[in-house]
């Protein structure tokens, strides 16, 4: 007689039970697992104890912290007093951009002139030519302001997003960040380009060193050393390869290429680093602001103009490749 579906299922369950009992007889005794419950939050460091924490040495030491002004002011007012007259002190947090200082002033300003100020870390950004006295306090004089602008530049955002972040977090000068962002970006552009040129030149030296290897001339002098000292004959110059591509700041659609600026790079095959770069621009912010209030025929005052391309945006790539080849040849 054919078996029904219910009978087949019953026989299968009985076989699985028998197999499980056989495996249990021959298997080693089970080891109870110990679970450690840790209620501590990995993001919190308020209650960390260096003597109890096993991962204390692996944590990074932060150089900055975000604090609430009210509780900190109350705590400092309770525990601090003037060093000269032992009177209470008035605590304030003046800010330039988001760089905030801590200022302590004696409450008895008539009899005591004690003032203490802790300024934030400074940044080595030279002022622009004709920007006034070097003693003026500027936003780019502090490292946290420069880091703030660089972070948004690296993520592809600008002053609007930087202003929103400050406003949502209750940080100082959120309403003026959008206008100050462009000024700080312009002031730090020069040092950024100088630092970038230095990095690119070091990458080129490394690529040449790997290309030459341990090759020497007839006098047993390394070719790499002769090249770095500009003593290598032209017929013995290194021949390096590379791949290049062009990028534009504004996305094109179809055959339309109307970006105002673009950049091209050459990547070395041995170091896989940037060996040379080229920046092309058809617009300049200072020239644009000048022509808003002046006729188009009137030339703007002398400045470091960024315009170096007058053709179409699509023609930037061959011109950039030609400029990079010339630069490599000159080096």
C-alpha atoms as a PDB file:
ATOM      1  CA  UNK A   1       0.000   0.000   0.000  1.00  0.00           C
ATOM      2  CA  UNK A   2       1.420   3.453  -0.802  1.00  0.00           C
ATOM      3  CA  UNK A   3       2.327   5.572   2.206  1.00  0.00           C
ATOM      4  CA  UNK A   4       0.461   8.764   2.843  1.00  0.00           C
ATOM      5  CA  UNK A   5       2.149  12.118   3.224  1.00  0.00           C
ATOM      6  CA  UNK A   6       1.445  12.078   6.984  1.00  0.00           C
ATOM      7  CA  UNK A   7       3.130   8.687   7.392  1.00  0.00           C
ATOM      8  CA  UNK A   8       6.243   9.796   5.489  1.00  0.00           C
ATOM      9  CA  UNK A   9       6.556  12.924   7.655  1.00  0.00           C
ATOM     10  CA  UNK A  10       6.156  10.849  10.853  1.00  0.00           C
ATOM     11  CA  UNK A  11       8.868   8.404   9.791  1.00  0.00           C
ATOM     12  CA  UNK A  12      11.248  11.262   8.900  1.00  0.00           C
ATOM     13  CA  UNK A  13      10.781  12.902  12.320  1.00  0.00           C
ATOM     14  CA  UNK A  14      11.473   9.594  14.100  1.00  0.00           C
ATOM     15  CA  UNK A  15      14.687   9.068  12.104  1.00  0.00           C
ATOM     16  CA  UNK A  16      15.926  12.587  12.907  1.00  0.00           C
ATOM     17  CA  UNK A  17      15.276  12.024  16.620  1.00  0.00           C
ATOM     18  CA  UNK A  18      17.234   8.756  16.560  1.00  0.00           C
ATOM     19  CA  UNK A  19      20.161  10.402  14.736  1.00  0.00           C
ATOM     20  CA  UNK A  20      20.175  13.229  17.278  1.00  0.00           C
ATOM     21  CA  UNK A  21      20.260  10.840  20.242  1.00  0.00           C
ATOM     22  CA  UNK A  22      23.141   8.878  18.689  1.00  0.00           C
ATOM     23  CA  UNK A  23      25.177  12.068  18.116  1.00  0.00           C
ATOM     24  CA  UNK A  24      24.491  13.192  21.684  1.00  0.00           C
ATOM     25  CA  UNK A  25      25.843   9.923  23.101  1.00  0.00           C
ATOM     26  CA  UNK A  26      29.153  10.150  21.235  1.00  0.00           C
ATOM     27  CA  UNK A  27      29.636  13.917  21.428  1.00  0.00           C
ATOM     28  CA  UNK A  28      31.842  15.483  24.146  1.00  0.00           C
ATOM     29  CA  UNK A  29      30.167  17.230  27.073  1.00  0.00           C
ATOM     30  CA  UNK A  30      29.009  20.736  26.250  1.00  0.00           C
ATOM     31  CA  UNK A  31      30.942  23.657  27.690  1.00  0.00           C
ATOM     32  CA  UNK A  32      28.921  26.431  29.171  1.00  0.00           C
ATOM     33  CA  UNK A  33      29.637  29.778  27.534  1.00  0.00           C
ATOM     34  CA  UNK A  34      30.289  32.748  29.774  1.00  0.00           C
ATOM     35  CA  UNK A  35      28.852  36.030  28.528  1.00  0.00           C
ATOM     36  CA  UNK A  36      30.216  39.306  29.821  1.00  0.00           C
ATOM     37  CA  UNK A  37      27.688  42.100  29.963  1.00  0.00           C
ATOM     38  CA  UNK A  38      29.218  45.508  29.458  1.00  0.00           C
ATOM     39  CA  UNK A  39      26.815  48.363  29.935  1.00  0.00           C
ATOM     40  CA  UNK A  40      29.468  50.983  29.224  1.00  0.00           C
ATOM     41  CA  UNK A  41      29.094  53.074  26.107  1.00  0.00           C
ATOM     42  CA  UNK A  42      32.083  52.993  23.763  1.00  0.00           C
ATOM     43  CA  UNK A  43      31.352  56.606  22.816  1.00  0.00           C
ATOM     44  CA  UNK A  44      31.555  57.842  26.412  1.00  0.00           C
ATOM     45  CA  UNK A  45      34.752  58.790  28.215  1.00  0.00           C
ATOM     46  CA  UNK A  46      33.242  60.625  31.199  1.00  0.00           C
ATOM     47  CA  UNK A  47      33.447  57.655  33.590  1.00  0.00           C
ATOM     48  CA  UNK A  48      36.493  55.963  32.097  1.00  0.00           C
ATOM     49  CA  UNK A  49      38.950  54.610  34.660  1.00  0.00           C
ATOM     50  CA  UNK A  50      42.493  54.127  33.424  1.00  0.00           C
ATOM     51  CA  UNK A  51      43.173  51.411  36.000  1.00  0.00           C
ATOM     52  CA  UNK A  52      40.132  49.353  34.987  1.00  0.00           C
ATOM     53  CA  UNK A  53      39.918  49.905  31.257  1.00  0.00           C
ATOM     54  CA  UNK A  54      41.908  47.408  29.215  1.00  0.00           C
ATOM     55  CA  UNK A  55      41.616  49.415  26.008  1.00  0.00           C
ATOM     56  CA  UNK A  56      42.749  52.729  27.493  1.00  0.00           C
ATOM     57  CA  UNK A  57      46.105  52.603  25.708  1.00  0.00           C
ATOM     58  CA  UNK A  58      44.387  52.098  22.335  1.00  0.00           C
ATOM     59  CA  UNK A  59      42.278  55.256  22.585  1.00  0.00           C
ATOM     60  CA  UNK A  60      43.404  58.361  20.753  1.00  0.00           C
ATOM     61  CA  UNK A  61      44.142  61.488  22.722  1.00  0.00           C
ATOM     62  CA  UNK A  62      41.816  64.222  21.458  1.00  0.00           C
ATOM     63  CA  UNK A  63      43.178  67.742  21.103  1.00  0.00           C
ATOM     64  CA  UNK A  64      39.759  69.450  21.174  1.00  0.00           C
ATOM     65  CA  UNK A  65      36.395  68.994  22.870  1.00  0.00           C
ATOM     66  CA  UNK A  66      32.905  70.489  22.584  1.00  0.00           C
ATOM     67  CA  UNK A  67      31.610  71.723  25.946  1.00  0.00           C
ATOM     68  CA  UNK A  68      28.460  73.426  27.235  1.00  0.00           C
ATOM     69  CA  UNK A  69      29.217  77.009  28.212  1.00  0.00           C
ATOM     70  CA  UNK A  70      26.733  77.230  31.101  1.00  0.00           C
ATOM     71  CA  UNK A  71      27.842  74.274  33.275  1.00  0.00           C
ATOM     72  CA  UNK A  72      31.528  74.979  32.673  1.00  0.00           C
ATOM     73  CA  UNK A  73      31.117  78.636  33.618  1.00  0.00           C
ATOM     74  CA  UNK A  74      29.338  77.715  36.832  1.00  0.00           C
ATOM     75  CA  UNK A  75      31.962  75.150  37.771  1.00  0.00           C
ATOM     76  CA  UNK A  76      34.866  77.523  37.135  1.00  0.00           C
ATOM     77  CA  UNK A  77      33.151  80.349  39.048  1.00  0.00           C
ATOM     78  CA  UNK A  78      32.792  78.110  42.120  1.00  0.00           C
ATOM     79  CA  UNK A  79      36.399  76.923  42.167  1.00  0.00           C
ATOM     80  CA  UNK A  80      38.357  79.921  40.865  1.00  0.00           C
ATOM     81  CA  UNK A  81      39.276  83.238  42.381  1.00  0.00           C
ATOM     82  CA  UNK A  82      41.498  86.155  41.436  1.00  0.00           C
ATOM     83  CA  UNK A  83      45.208  85.523  41.968  1.00  0.00           C
ATOM     84  CA  UNK A  84      45.817  89.054  43.219  1.00  0.00           C
ATOM     85  CA  UNK A  85      42.885  89.923  45.459  1.00  0.00           C
ATOM     86  CA  UNK A  86      41.120  86.562  45.888  1.00  0.00           C
ATOM     87  CA  UNK A  87      37.869  88.046  44.608  1.00  0.00           C
ATOM     88  CA  UNK A  88      35.517  86.097  42.307  1.00  0.00           C
ATOM     89  CA  UNK A  89      36.238  86.146  38.596  1.00  0.00           C
ATOM     90  CA  UNK A  90      33.975  86.796  35.628  1.00  0.00           C
ATOM     91  CA  UNK A  91      34.239  84.097  32.975  1.00  0.00           C
ATOM     92  CA  UNK A  92      33.597  84.632  29.263  1.00  0.00           C
ATOM     93  CA  UNK A  93      34.294  82.754  26.043  1.00  0.00           C
ATOM     94  CA  UNK A  94      35.098  85.201  23.208  1.00  0.00           C
ATOM     95  CA  UNK A  95      35.124  83.615  19.775  1.00  0.00           C
ATOM     96  CA  UNK A  96      36.652  84.395  16.396  1.00  0.00           C
ATOM     97  CA  UNK A  97      34.899  82.135  13.942  1.00  0.00           C
ATOM     98  CA  UNK A  98      34.532  78.946  15.948  1.00  0.00           C
ATOM     99  CA  UNK A  99      37.919  79.402  17.639  1.00  0.00           C
ATOM    100  CA  UNK A 100      36.921  80.125  21.226  1.00  0.00           C
ATOM    101  CA  UNK A 101      39.107  81.526  24.015  1.00  0.00           C
ATOM    102  CA  UNK A 102      38.597  81.399  27.770  1.00  0.00           C
ATOM    103  CA  UNK A 103      38.856  84.793  29.442  1.00  0.00           C
ATOM    104  CA  UNK A 104      38.969  85.404  33.213  1.00  0.00           C
ATOM    105  CA  UNK A 105      38.498  88.932  34.564  1.00  0.00           C
ATOM    106  CA  UNK A 106      38.489  89.937  38.202  1.00  0.00           C
ATOM    107  CA  UNK A 107      35.012  90.954  39.362  1.00  0.00           C
ATOM    108  CA  UNK A 108      36.448  93.948  41.224  1.00  0.00           C
ATOM    109  CA  UNK A 109      37.557  95.853  38.116  1.00  0.00           C
ATOM    110  CA  UNK A 110      37.982  99.101  40.089  1.00  0.00           C
ATOM    111  CA  UNK A 111      40.692  97.876  42.455  1.00  0.00           C
ATOM    112  CA  UNK A 112      42.127  94.979  40.458  1.00  0.00           C
ATOM    113  CA  UNK A 113      43.223  94.729  36.841  1.00  0.00           C
ATOM    114  CA  UNK A 114      43.886  90.986  36.740  1.00  0.00           C
ATOM    115  CA  UNK A 115      42.991  89.470  33.352  1.00  0.00           C
ATOM    116  CA  UNK A 116      43.837  85.967  32.082  1.00  0.00           C
ATOM    117  CA  UNK A 117      43.240  84.790  28.522  1.00  0.00           C
ATOM    118  CA  UNK A 118      43.789  81.352  27.004  1.00  0.00           C
ATOM    119  CA  UNK A 119      43.871  81.662  23.213  1.00  0.00           C
ATOM    120  CA  UNK A 120      43.244  78.706  20.867  1.00  0.00           C
ATOM    121  CA  UNK A 121      45.960  77.129  18.755  1.00  0.00           C
ATOM    122  CA  UNK A 122      47.209  79.424  16.004  1.00  0.00           C
ATOM    123  CA  UNK A 123      47.603  78.559  12.311  1.00  0.00           C
ATOM    124  CA  UNK A 124      50.547  79.520  10.139  1.00  0.00           C
ATOM    125  CA  UNK A 125      48.570  81.244   7.387  1.00  0.00           C
ATOM    126  CA  UNK A 126      50.277  84.430   6.172  1.00  0.00           C
ATOM    127  CA  UNK A 127      48.002  87.432   5.579  1.00  0.00           C
ATOM    128  CA  UNK A 128      47.321  88.587   2.057  1.00  0.00           C
ATOM    129  CA  UNK A 129      49.146  91.533   0.556  1.00  0.00           C
ATOM    130  CA  UNK A 130      47.372  94.779   1.354  1.00  0.00           C
ATOM    131  CA  UNK A 131      45.173  93.117   3.969  1.00  0.00           C
ATOM    132  CA  UNK A 132      46.079  95.609   6.663  1.00  0.00           C
ATOM    133  CA  UNK A 133      48.075  95.260   9.837  1.00  0.00           C
ATOM    134  CA  UNK A 134      49.440  91.842  10.734  1.00  0.00           C
ATOM    135  CA  UNK A 135      48.309  92.429  14.356  1.00  0.00           C
ATOM    136  CA  UNK A 136      44.639  92.253  13.371  1.00  0.00           C
ATOM    137  CA  UNK A 137      42.785  89.163  14.570  1.00  0.00           C
ATOM    138  CA  UNK A 138      41.635  87.141  11.559  1.00  0.00           C
ATOM    139  CA  UNK A 139      39.671  83.918  11.287  1.00  0.00           C
ATOM    140  CA  UNK A 140      42.541  82.212   9.493  1.00  0.00           C
ATOM    141  CA  UNK A 141      44.845  82.931  12.437  1.00  0.00           C
ATOM    142  CA  UNK A 142      43.429  79.929  14.335  1.00  0.00           C
ATOM    143  CA  UNK A 143      43.852  76.275  13.423  1.00  0.00           C
ATOM    144  CA  UNK A 144      40.299  75.177  14.274  1.00  0.00           C
ATOM    145  CA  UNK A 145      38.812  77.653  11.774  1.00  0.00           C
ATOM    146  CA  UNK A 146      41.149  76.454   9.031  1.00  0.00           C
ATOM    147  CA  UNK A 147      40.399  72.803   9.851  1.00  0.00           C
ATOM    148  CA  UNK A 148      36.668  73.533   9.756  1.00  0.00           C
ATOM    149  CA  UNK A 149      36.889  75.013   6.254  1.00  0.00           C
ATOM    150  CA  UNK A 150      39.222  72.266   5.023  1.00  0.00           C
ATOM    151  CA  UNK A 151      36.856  69.557   6.280  1.00  0.00           C
ATOM    152  CA  UNK A 152      33.937  70.923   4.266  1.00  0.00           C
ATOM    153  CA  UNK A 153      36.121  71.495   1.216  1.00  0.00           C
ATOM    154  CA  UNK A 154      37.297  67.871   1.384  1.00  0.00           C
ATOM    155  CA  UNK A 155      33.706  66.610   1.593  1.00  0.00           C
ATOM    156  CA  UNK A 156      32.596  68.737  -1.365  1.00  0.00           C
ATOM    157  CA  UNK A 157      30.466  71.140   0.699  1.00  0.00           C
ATOM    158  CA  UNK A 158      30.678  74.877   1.242  1.00  0.00           C
ATOM    159  CA  UNK A 159      29.673  77.761   3.458  1.00  0.00           C
ATOM    160  CA  UNK A 160      25.969  76.916   3.563  1.00  0.00           C
ATOM    161  CA  UNK A 161      26.563  73.447   4.995  1.00  0.00           C
ATOM    162  CA  UNK A 162      29.215  74.774   7.389  1.00  0.00           C
ATOM    163  CA  UNK A 163      26.747  77.358   8.657  1.00  0.00           C
ATOM    164  CA  UNK A 164      24.026  74.727   9.172  1.00  0.00           C
ATOM    165  CA  UNK A 165      26.346  72.506  11.223  1.00  0.00           C
ATOM    166  CA  UNK A 166      27.285  75.393  13.522  1.00  0.00           C
ATOM    167  CA  UNK A 167      23.679  76.506  13.927  1.00  0.00           C
ATOM    168  CA  UNK A 168      22.311  73.039  14.730  1.00  0.00           C
ATOM    169  CA  UNK A 169      25.022  72.444  17.326  1.00  0.00           C
ATOM    170  CA  UNK A 170      24.781  75.864  18.970  1.00  0.00           C
ATOM    171  CA  UNK A 171      28.358  76.829  18.093  1.00  0.00           C
ATOM    172  CA  UNK A 172      29.425  80.492  17.840  1.00  0.00           C
ATOM    173  CA  UNK A 173      29.166  82.728  14.764  1.00  0.00           C
ATOM    174  CA  UNK A 174      26.858  80.396  12.871  1.00  0.00           C
ATOM    175  CA  UNK A 175      25.083  83.277  11.122  1.00  0.00           C
ATOM    176  CA  UNK A 176      28.317  84.729   9.717  1.00  0.00           C
ATOM    177  CA  UNK A 177      30.037  81.501   8.691  1.00  0.00           C
ATOM    178  CA  UNK A 178      28.632  81.496   5.156  1.00  0.00           C
ATOM    179  CA  UNK A 179      30.164  84.872   4.315  1.00  0.00           C
ATOM    180  CA  UNK A 180      33.394  84.135   6.177  1.00  0.00           C
ATOM    181  CA  UNK A 181      33.794  80.719   4.545  1.00  0.00           C
ATOM    182  CA  UNK A 182      34.646  82.150   1.120  1.00  0.00           C
ATOM    183  CA  UNK A 183      37.143  84.617   2.582  1.00  0.00           C
ATOM    184  CA  UNK A 184      38.937  81.915   4.575  1.00  0.00           C
ATOM    185  CA  UNK A 185      38.900  79.604   1.565  1.00  0.00           C
ATOM    186  CA  UNK A 186      40.555  82.300  -0.533  1.00  0.00           C
ATOM    187  CA  UNK A 187      43.180  83.096   2.124  1.00  0.00           C
ATOM    188  CA  UNK A 188      44.263  79.483   2.609  1.00  0.00           C
ATOM    189  CA  UNK A 189      44.276  78.652  -1.112  1.00  0.00           C
ATOM    190  CA  UNK A 190      47.830  79.966  -1.544  1.00  0.00           C
ATOM    191  CA  UNK A 191      49.428  77.891   1.229  1.00  0.00           C
ATOM    192  CA  UNK A 192      47.453  74.842   0.071  1.00  0.00           C
ATOM    193  CA  UNK A 193      48.814  75.158  -3.458  1.00  0.00           C
ATOM    194  CA  UNK A 194      52.375  75.660  -2.193  1.00  0.00           C
ATOM    195  CA  UNK A 195      52.121  72.584   0.003  1.00  0.00           C
ATOM    196  CA  UNK A 196      50.607  70.606  -2.879  1.00  0.00           C
ATOM    197  CA  UNK A 197      53.427  71.606  -5.230  1.00  0.00           C
ATOM    198  CA  UNK A 198      55.962  70.418  -2.661  1.00  0.00           C
ATOM    199  CA  UNK A 199      54.213  67.052  -2.323  1.00  0.00           C
ATOM    200  CA  UNK A 200      53.992  66.584  -6.093  1.00  0.00           C
ATOM    201  CA  UNK A 201      57.694  67.353  -6.541  1.00  0.00           C
ATOM    202  CA  UNK A 202      58.608  64.814  -3.846  1.00  0.00           C
ATOM    203  CA  UNK A 203      56.439  62.219  -5.598  1.00  0.00           C
ATOM    204  CA  UNK A 204      58.274  62.885  -8.846  1.00  0.00           C
ATOM    205  CA  UNK A 205      61.643  62.423  -7.142  1.00  0.00           C
ATOM    206  CA  UNK A 206      60.474  59.114  -5.709  1.00  0.00           C
ATOM    207  CA  UNK A 207      59.247  57.952  -9.117  1.00  0.00           C
ATOM    208  CA  UNK A 208      62.597  58.822 -10.706  1.00  0.00           C
ATOM    209  CA  UNK A 209      64.463  57.024  -7.939  1.00  0.00           C
ATOM    210  CA  UNK A 210      62.430  53.867  -8.517  1.00  0.00           C
ATOM    211  CA  UNK A 211      62.874  54.179 -12.282  1.00  0.00           C
ATOM    212  CA  UNK A 212      66.651  54.430 -12.088  1.00  0.00           C
ATOM    213  CA  UNK A 213      67.037  51.899  -9.313  1.00  0.00           C
ATOM    214  CA  UNK A 214      70.748  51.255  -8.615  1.00  0.00           C
ATOM    215  CA  UNK A 215      71.966  52.263 -12.076  1.00  0.00           C
ATOM    216  CA  UNK A 216      75.259  54.158 -12.170  1.00  0.00           C
ATOM    217  CA  UNK A 217      77.381  55.917 -14.787  1.00  0.00           C
ATOM    218  CA  UNK A 218      80.936  55.081 -15.829  1.00  0.00           C
ATOM    219  CA  UNK A 219      82.285  56.820 -12.702  1.00  0.00           C
ATOM    220  CA  UNK A 220      80.082  54.694 -10.424  1.00  0.00           C
ATOM    221  CA  UNK A 221      77.839  57.649  -9.603  1.00  0.00           C
ATOM    222  CA  UNK A 222      74.167  56.890  -9.114  1.00  0.00           C
ATOM    223  CA  UNK A 223      72.047  58.305 -11.894  1.00  0.00           C
ATOM    224  CA  UNK A 224      69.324  59.260  -9.455  1.00  0.00           C
ATOM    225  CA  UNK A 225      71.721  61.446  -7.468  1.00  0.00           C
ATOM    226  CA  UNK A 226      73.057  63.074 -10.622  1.00  0.00           C
ATOM    227  CA  UNK A 227      69.529  63.801 -11.779  1.00  0.00           C
ATOM    228  CA  UNK A 228      68.570  65.421  -8.472  1.00  0.00           C
ATOM    229  CA  UNK A 229      71.699  67.603  -8.676  1.00  0.00           C
ATOM    230  CA  UNK A 230      70.957  68.635 -12.303  1.00  0.00           C
ATOM    231  CA  UNK A 231      74.211  67.016 -13.461  1.00  0.00           C
ATOM    232  CA  UNK A 232      72.731  64.276 -15.622  1.00  0.00           C
ATOM    233  CA  UNK A 233      73.095  64.681 -19.426  1.00  0.00           C
ATOM    234  CA  UNK A 234      69.881  65.095 -21.358  1.00  0.00           C
ATOM    235  CA  UNK A 235      70.333  61.830 -23.278  1.00  0.00           C
ATOM    236  CA  UNK A 236      70.319  59.963 -19.936  1.00  0.00           C
ATOM    237  CA  UNK A 237      67.222  61.577 -18.489  1.00  0.00           C
ATOM    238  CA  UNK A 238      64.729  59.115 -17.004  1.00  0.00           C
ATOM    239  CA  UNK A 239      61.798  58.019 -19.132  1.00  0.00           C
ATOM    240  CA  UNK A 240      58.804  57.514 -16.891  1.00  0.00           C
ATOM    241  CA  UNK A 241      55.307  56.456 -17.777  1.00  0.00           C
ATOM    242  CA  UNK A 242      52.017  57.594 -16.369  1.00  0.00           C
ATOM    243  CA  UNK A 243      48.268  57.751 -16.808  1.00  0.00           C
ATOM    244  CA  UNK A 244      46.290  60.979 -16.926  1.00  0.00           C
ATOM    245  CA  UNK A 245      42.687  62.079 -16.750  1.00  0.00           C
ATOM    246  CA  UNK A 246      40.715  65.308 -16.468  1.00  0.00           C
ATOM    247  CA  UNK A 247      37.964  66.240 -14.053  1.00  0.00           C
ATOM    248  CA  UNK A 248      35.564  69.172 -14.089  1.00  0.00           C
ATOM    249  CA  UNK A 249      33.865  70.816 -11.127  1.00  0.00           C
ATOM    250  CA  UNK A 250      30.528  71.093 -12.922  1.00  0.00           C
ATOM    251  CA  UNK A 251      28.861  68.015 -14.347  1.00  0.00           C
ATOM    252  CA  UNK A 252      28.175  68.044 -18.079  1.00  0.00           C
ATOM    253  CA  UNK A 253      25.192  66.585 -19.894  1.00  0.00           C
ATOM    254  CA  UNK A 254      25.441  65.039 -23.327  1.00  0.00           C
ATOM    255  CA  UNK A 255      27.823  67.106 -25.446  1.00  0.00           C
ATOM    256  CA  UNK A 256      27.480  70.156 -23.182  1.00  0.00           C
ATOM    257  CA  UNK A 257      30.664  71.080 -21.322  1.00  0.00           C
ATOM    258  CA  UNK A 258      30.344  74.448 -19.597  1.00  0.00           C
ATOM    259  CA  UNK A 259      32.316  74.006 -16.369  1.00  0.00           C
ATOM    260  CA  UNK A 260      34.260  77.060 -15.276  1.00  0.00           C
ATOM    261  CA  UNK A 261      37.196  75.051 -13.927  1.00  0.00           C
ATOM    262  CA  UNK A 262      38.851  71.657 -14.214  1.00  0.00           C
ATOM    263  CA  UNK A 263      41.869  69.737 -12.990  1.00  0.00           C
ATOM    264  CA  UNK A 264      44.121  67.085 -14.511  1.00  0.00           C
ATOM    265  CA  UNK A 265      46.597  64.689 -12.886  1.00  0.00           C
ATOM    266  CA  UNK A 266      49.341  62.310 -13.980  1.00  0.00           C
ATOM    267  CA  UNK A 267      49.710  59.150 -11.863  1.00  0.00           C
ATOM    268  CA  UNK A 268      53.073  57.366 -11.800  1.00  0.00           C
ATOM    269  CA  UNK A 269      53.076  53.606 -12.543  1.00  0.00           C
ATOM    270  CA  UNK A 270      55.643  52.730  -9.847  1.00  0.00           C
ATOM    271  CA  UNK A 271      54.655  54.970  -6.944  1.00  0.00           C
ATOM    272  CA  UNK A 272      50.974  55.256  -7.929  1.00  0.00           C
ATOM    273  CA  UNK A 273      51.153  58.837  -6.742  1.00  0.00           C
ATOM    274  CA  UNK A 274      50.470  62.164  -8.421  1.00  0.00           C
ATOM    275  CA  UNK A 275      53.521  63.271 -10.402  1.00  0.00           C
ATOM    276  CA  UNK A 276      52.161  66.525 -11.776  1.00  0.00           C
ATOM    277  CA  UNK A 277      48.935  68.489 -11.861  1.00  0.00           C
ATOM    278  CA  UNK A 278      47.273  71.179 -13.902  1.00  0.00           C
ATOM    279  CA  UNK A 279      44.433  73.508 -12.921  1.00  0.00           C
ATOM    280  CA  UNK A 280      42.367  75.266 -15.565  1.00  0.00           C
ATOM    281  CA  UNK A 281      39.954  78.086 -14.807  1.00  0.00           C
ATOM    282  CA  UNK A 282      37.806  80.360 -16.912  1.00  0.00           C
ATOM    283  CA  UNK A 283      36.568  82.514 -14.027  1.00  0.00           C
ATOM    284  CA  UNK A 284      37.970  84.474 -11.104  1.00  0.00           C
ATOM    285  CA  UNK A 285      35.947  85.429  -8.054  1.00  0.00           C
ATOM    286  CA  UNK A 286      37.707  88.743  -7.527  1.00  0.00           C
ATOM    287  CA  UNK A 287      37.281  89.754 -11.151  1.00  0.00           C
ATOM    288  CA  UNK A 288      33.603  88.799 -10.993  1.00  0.00           C
ATOM    289  CA  UNK A 289      32.985  90.916  -7.905  1.00  0.00           C
ATOM    290  CA  UNK A 290      34.812  93.849  -9.512  1.00  0.00           C
ATOM    291  CA  UNK A 291      32.719  93.780 -12.696  1.00  0.00           C
ATOM    292  CA  UNK A 292      29.485  93.699 -10.689  1.00  0.00           C
ATOM    293  CA  UNK A 293      30.064  97.300  -9.579  1.00  0.00           C
ATOM    294  CA  UNK A 294      32.219  98.505 -12.512  1.00  0.00           C
ATOM    295  CA  UNK A 295      31.869  98.533 -16.300  1.00  0.00           C
ATOM    296  CA  UNK A 296      33.122  95.518 -18.237  1.00  0.00           C
ATOM    297  CA  UNK A 297      35.669  97.694 -20.044  1.00  0.00           C
ATOM    298  CA  UNK A 298      37.308  98.763 -16.767  1.00  0.00           C
ATOM    299  CA  UNK A 299      40.062  96.368 -15.700  1.00  0.00           C
ATOM    300  CA  UNK A 300      40.183  95.220 -12.086  1.00  0.00           C
ATOM    301  CA  UNK A 301      43.203  96.099  -9.925  1.00  0.00           C
ATOM    302  CA  UNK A 302      46.223  93.858  -9.954  1.00  0.00           C
ATOM    303  CA  UNK A 303      45.703  90.602  -8.074  1.00  0.00           C
ATOM    304  CA  UNK A 304      46.471  86.907  -8.297  1.00  0.00           C
ATOM    305  CA  UNK A 305      43.976  86.105 -11.059  1.00  0.00           C
ATOM    306  CA  UNK A 306      42.978  82.462 -11.526  1.00  0.00           C
ATOM    307  CA  UNK A 307      41.929  82.761 -15.183  1.00  0.00           C
ATOM    308  CA  UNK A 308      44.337  80.743 -17.349  1.00  0.00           C
ATOM    309  CA  UNK A 309      42.012  79.306 -20.006  1.00  0.00           C
ATOM    310  CA  UNK A 310      39.837  81.136 -22.535  1.00  0.00           C
ATOM    311  CA  UNK A 311      38.652  78.290 -24.754  1.00  0.00           C
ATOM    312  CA  UNK A 312      35.880  75.796 -24.286  1.00  0.00           C
ATOM    313  CA  UNK A 313      35.710  73.563 -21.237  1.00  0.00           C
ATOM    314  CA  UNK A 314      36.243  70.476 -23.388  1.00  0.00           C
ATOM    315  CA  UNK A 315      39.527  71.929 -24.670  1.00  0.00           C
ATOM    316  CA  UNK A 316      40.910  72.088 -21.128  1.00  0.00           C
ATOM    317  CA  UNK A 317      42.060  68.468 -21.163  1.00  0.00           C
ATOM    318  CA  UNK A 318      44.533  68.576 -24.107  1.00  0.00           C
ATOM    319  CA  UNK A 319      45.900  71.913 -22.921  1.00  0.00           C
ATOM    320  CA  UNK A 320      46.328  70.560 -19.395  1.00  0.00           C
ATOM    321  CA  UNK A 321      48.133  67.440 -20.664  1.00  0.00           C
ATOM    322  CA  UNK A 322      50.459  69.621 -22.731  1.00  0.00           C
ATOM    323  CA  UNK A 323      51.225  71.840 -19.729  1.00  0.00           C
ATOM    324  CA  UNK A 324      51.969  68.794 -17.557  1.00  0.00           C
ATOM    325  CA  UNK A 325      54.302  67.316 -20.173  1.00  0.00           C
ATOM    326  CA  UNK A 326      56.180  70.615 -20.368  1.00  0.00           C
ATOM    327  CA  UNK A 327      56.475  70.743 -16.584  1.00  0.00           C
ATOM    328  CA  UNK A 328      57.828  67.201 -16.425  1.00  0.00           C
ATOM    329  CA  UNK A 329      60.351  68.002 -19.141  1.00  0.00           C
ATOM    330  CA  UNK A 330      61.519  71.109 -17.275  1.00  0.00           C
ATOM    331  CA  UNK A 331      61.941  69.110 -14.099  1.00  0.00           C
END
